[in-house]
N, C-alpha and C. Protein backbone atom coordinates (compact mmCIF):
# COMPACT_ATOMS: atom_id res chain seq x y z
N UNK A 1 76.47 91.78 -24.64
CA UNK A 1 75.74 90.47 -25.53
C UNK A 1 75.17 91.36 -26.33
N UNK A 2 73.90 92.03 -25.86
CA UNK A 2 73.03 92.87 -27.15
C UNK A 2 73.92 93.82 -28.04
N UNK A 3 74.83 94.31 -27.15
CA UNK A 3 75.67 95.27 -27.97
C UNK A 3 76.57 94.62 -29.25
N UNK A 4 76.95 93.38 -28.63
CA UNK A 4 78.06 92.74 -29.70
C UNK A 4 77.12 92.23 -30.76
N UNK A 5 76.05 91.71 -30.39
CA UNK A 5 75.05 91.30 -31.58
C UNK A 5 74.63 92.39 -32.58
N UNK A 6 74.25 93.34 -32.05
CA UNK A 6 73.86 94.44 -32.96
C UNK A 6 75.26 94.74 -33.99
N UNK A 7 76.34 94.98 -33.44
CA UNK A 7 77.38 95.33 -34.01
C UNK A 7 77.74 94.29 -35.11
N UNK A 8 77.56 92.99 -34.84
CA UNK A 8 78.02 91.85 -35.35
C UNK A 8 77.07 91.96 -36.76
N UNK A 9 75.84 92.19 -36.48
CA UNK A 9 74.74 92.42 -37.69
C UNK A 9 75.01 93.60 -38.45
N UNK A 10 75.37 94.62 -38.09
CA UNK A 10 75.81 95.79 -38.75
C UNK A 10 74.96 96.06 -40.02
N UNK A 11 73.81 96.21 -39.81
CA UNK A 11 72.98 97.05 -41.03
C UNK A 11 72.07 98.21 -40.40
N UNK A 12 71.55 99.11 -41.13
CA UNK A 12 70.92 100.07 -40.83
C UNK A 12 69.89 99.77 -39.68
N UNK A 13 69.08 99.17 -39.45
CA UNK A 13 68.10 98.73 -38.40
C UNK A 13 68.96 98.23 -37.28
N UNK A 14 70.00 97.42 -37.20
CA UNK A 14 70.77 97.29 -35.99
C UNK A 14 71.30 98.48 -35.42
N UNK A 15 71.85 99.10 -36.40
CA UNK A 15 72.48 100.40 -36.07
C UNK A 15 71.48 101.77 -35.31
N UNK A 16 70.47 101.55 -35.71
CA UNK A 16 69.32 102.35 -35.69
C UNK A 16 68.88 101.89 -33.90
N UNK A 17 68.85 100.78 -33.66
CA UNK A 17 68.20 100.16 -32.31
C UNK A 17 69.38 100.47 -31.55
N UNK A 18 70.58 100.16 -31.70
CA UNK A 18 71.77 100.27 -30.99
C UNK A 18 72.11 101.91 -30.64
N UNK A 19 71.92 102.79 -31.40
CA UNK A 19 72.17 104.27 -31.19
C UNK A 19 70.83 104.54 -30.28
N UNK A 20 69.57 104.10 -30.46
CA UNK A 20 68.27 104.57 -29.78
C UNK A 20 68.40 103.94 -28.15
N UNK A 21 68.82 102.32 -28.28
CA UNK A 21 68.73 102.01 -27.05
C UNK A 21 70.03 102.51 -25.96
N UNK A 22 71.14 102.62 -26.53
CA UNK A 22 72.31 102.87 -25.69
C UNK A 22 72.61 104.21 -25.95
N UNK A 23 72.23 105.24 -26.61
CA UNK A 23 72.89 106.70 -26.77
C UNK A 23 71.55 107.60 -26.34
N UNK A 24 70.41 107.32 -26.96
CA UNK A 24 69.36 108.36 -26.93
C UNK A 24 68.56 107.94 -25.23
N UNK A 25 67.99 106.60 -25.32
CA UNK A 25 67.35 106.06 -24.09
C UNK A 25 68.42 105.92 -22.78
N UNK A 26 69.51 105.65 -23.09
CA UNK A 26 70.42 105.41 -22.12
C UNK A 26 69.81 104.47 -20.89
N UNK A 27 69.42 103.11 -21.60
CA UNK A 27 68.95 102.17 -20.75
C UNK A 27 69.80 101.65 -19.62
N UNK A 28 69.82 101.81 -18.43
CA UNK A 28 70.68 101.29 -17.43
C UNK A 28 71.09 99.81 -17.30
N UNK A 29 72.27 99.50 -17.36
CA UNK A 29 72.70 98.20 -17.57
C UNK A 29 73.28 97.96 -15.74
N UNK A 30 73.26 96.19 -15.52
CA UNK A 30 73.67 95.78 -14.37
C UNK A 30 74.35 94.58 -14.61
N UNK A 31 75.00 94.20 -13.33
CA UNK A 31 75.34 92.84 -13.52
C UNK A 31 74.93 92.00 -12.26
N UNK A 32 75.05 90.85 -12.16
CA UNK A 32 74.72 90.24 -10.70
C UNK A 32 75.75 89.59 -10.12
N UNK A 33 75.92 89.81 -8.93
CA UNK A 33 76.88 89.45 -8.35
C UNK A 33 76.32 88.68 -6.99
N UNK A 34 76.97 87.90 -6.34
CA UNK A 34 76.44 87.10 -5.17
C UNK A 34 77.08 88.06 -4.06
N UNK A 35 76.06 88.38 -3.01
CA UNK A 35 76.31 89.19 -2.00
C UNK A 35 75.89 88.01 -0.51
N UNK A 36 76.19 88.13 0.59
CA UNK A 36 75.96 87.63 1.78
C UNK A 36 74.88 88.90 2.46
N UNK A 37 73.77 88.43 2.48
CA UNK A 37 72.86 89.35 3.25
C UNK A 37 72.10 88.58 4.12
N UNK A 38 70.97 89.36 5.14
CA UNK A 38 70.09 88.53 5.90
C UNK A 38 69.09 88.13 5.07
N UNK A 39 68.59 86.81 5.12
CA UNK A 39 67.55 86.10 4.32
C UNK A 39 66.28 85.99 5.34
N UNK A 40 66.69 85.72 6.65
CA UNK A 40 65.39 85.67 7.47
C UNK A 40 65.49 86.57 8.76
N UNK A 41 64.72 87.36 9.01
CA UNK A 41 64.53 88.58 10.25
C UNK A 41 63.84 87.89 11.22
N UNK A 42 63.91 88.26 12.54
CA UNK A 42 63.04 88.14 13.48
C UNK A 42 63.20 89.34 14.30
N UNK A 43 62.20 89.35 15.22
CA UNK A 43 62.14 90.12 15.91
C UNK A 43 61.93 90.38 17.91
N UNK A 44 62.79 90.76 18.18
CA UNK A 44 63.10 90.82 19.38
C UNK A 44 62.01 91.52 20.47
N UNK A 45 61.87 90.97 21.60
CA UNK A 45 60.77 92.03 22.37
C UNK A 45 61.24 93.46 22.21
N UNK A 46 60.13 94.39 22.25
CA UNK A 46 60.44 95.82 21.95
C UNK A 46 60.42 96.21 20.71
N UNK A 47 60.18 95.42 19.85
CA UNK A 47 60.10 95.56 18.16
C UNK A 47 61.50 95.81 17.52
N UNK A 48 62.87 95.49 18.26
CA UNK A 48 63.81 95.63 17.69
C UNK A 48 64.21 94.56 16.75
N UNK A 49 64.63 94.83 15.34
CA UNK A 49 64.66 93.58 14.55
C UNK A 49 65.90 93.10 14.38
N UNK A 50 66.19 91.95 14.23
CA UNK A 50 67.92 91.26 14.15
C UNK A 50 67.66 90.21 12.90
N UNK A 51 68.79 89.89 12.59
CA UNK A 51 69.00 88.89 11.48
C UNK A 51 69.16 87.51 12.27
N UNK A 52 68.10 86.46 11.82
CA UNK A 52 68.32 85.29 12.45
C UNK A 52 69.16 84.22 11.47
N UNK A 53 69.21 84.76 10.02
CA UNK A 53 70.04 83.80 9.31
C UNK A 53 70.26 84.53 8.08
N UNK A 54 71.73 84.15 7.59
CA UNK A 54 72.32 84.93 6.48
C UNK A 54 72.54 83.85 5.43
N UNK A 55 72.50 84.35 4.42
CA UNK A 55 72.50 83.43 3.03
C UNK A 55 73.28 84.42 1.80
N UNK A 56 73.79 83.52 0.64
CA UNK A 56 74.19 84.35 -0.38
C UNK A 56 73.00 84.57 -1.40
N UNK A 57 72.86 86.03 -1.78
CA UNK A 57 71.75 86.37 -2.44
C UNK A 57 72.32 86.86 -3.87
N UNK A 58 71.59 87.31 -4.98
CA UNK A 58 71.88 88.11 -5.82
C UNK A 58 71.71 89.54 -5.62
N UNK A 59 72.87 90.34 -5.89
CA UNK A 59 72.83 91.84 -5.74
C UNK A 59 73.18 92.10 -7.18
N UNK A 60 72.46 93.18 -7.57
CA UNK A 60 72.51 93.87 -8.80
C UNK A 60 73.36 95.14 -8.57
N UNK A 61 74.58 95.32 -9.50
CA UNK A 61 75.29 96.45 -9.11
C UNK A 61 75.30 97.24 -10.57
N UNK A 62 74.84 98.27 -10.69
CA UNK A 62 75.02 99.38 -11.90
C UNK A 62 76.05 99.65 -12.51
N UNK A 63 76.06 99.40 -13.89
CA UNK A 63 77.34 99.70 -14.59
C UNK A 63 77.27 100.78 -15.63
N UNK A 64 78.22 101.59 -15.62
CA UNK A 64 77.97 102.69 -16.85
C UNK A 64 78.30 102.31 -18.21
N UNK A 65 77.14 102.61 -19.16
CA UNK A 65 77.00 101.91 -20.25
C UNK A 65 78.20 103.31 -21.13
N UNK A 66 78.67 102.67 -22.14
CA UNK A 66 79.46 103.24 -23.13
C UNK A 66 78.48 103.83 -24.32
N UNK A 67 79.11 104.74 -25.19
CA UNK A 67 77.94 104.88 -26.22
C UNK A 67 78.11 104.08 -27.29
N UNK A 68 77.27 103.79 -28.13
CA UNK A 68 77.25 102.78 -29.15
C UNK A 68 77.74 103.80 -30.30
N UNK A 69 78.82 103.03 -31.04
CA UNK A 69 79.49 103.61 -32.27
C UNK A 69 79.14 102.64 -33.50
N UNK A 70 78.18 102.70 -34.13
CA UNK A 70 77.95 101.75 -35.21
C UNK A 70 79.20 102.08 -36.50
N UNK A 71 79.38 101.19 -37.34
CA UNK A 71 80.18 101.26 -38.39
C UNK A 71 79.39 101.31 -39.34
N UNK A 72 79.81 101.84 -40.69
CA UNK A 72 78.75 101.83 -41.92
C UNK A 72 78.65 100.31 -42.11
N UNK A 73 77.19 100.21 -42.54
CA UNK A 73 76.92 98.78 -42.94
C UNK A 73 77.58 98.61 -44.48
N UNK A 74 78.06 97.16 -44.32
CA UNK A 74 78.51 96.97 -45.61
C UNK A 74 77.30 96.79 -46.80
N UNK A 75 77.76 97.16 -47.94
CA UNK A 75 76.68 96.91 -48.99
C UNK A 75 77.06 96.27 -49.99
């Protein structure tokens, strides 16, 4: 969404921000997906952990960013 916004504005400032954010800093991107994980742990005798209850939780998955390719601003 951020990339689309910068490309839609298409001026010198938005292009500098896009190139800096995506090409130079290479800020990582992620998407949130639902995953079933242990949400409540218990400890059995002897210190052995186990899962008492599972539930759906958000899980961040890293996504490879593509380079930012600005077009020339309209004058």
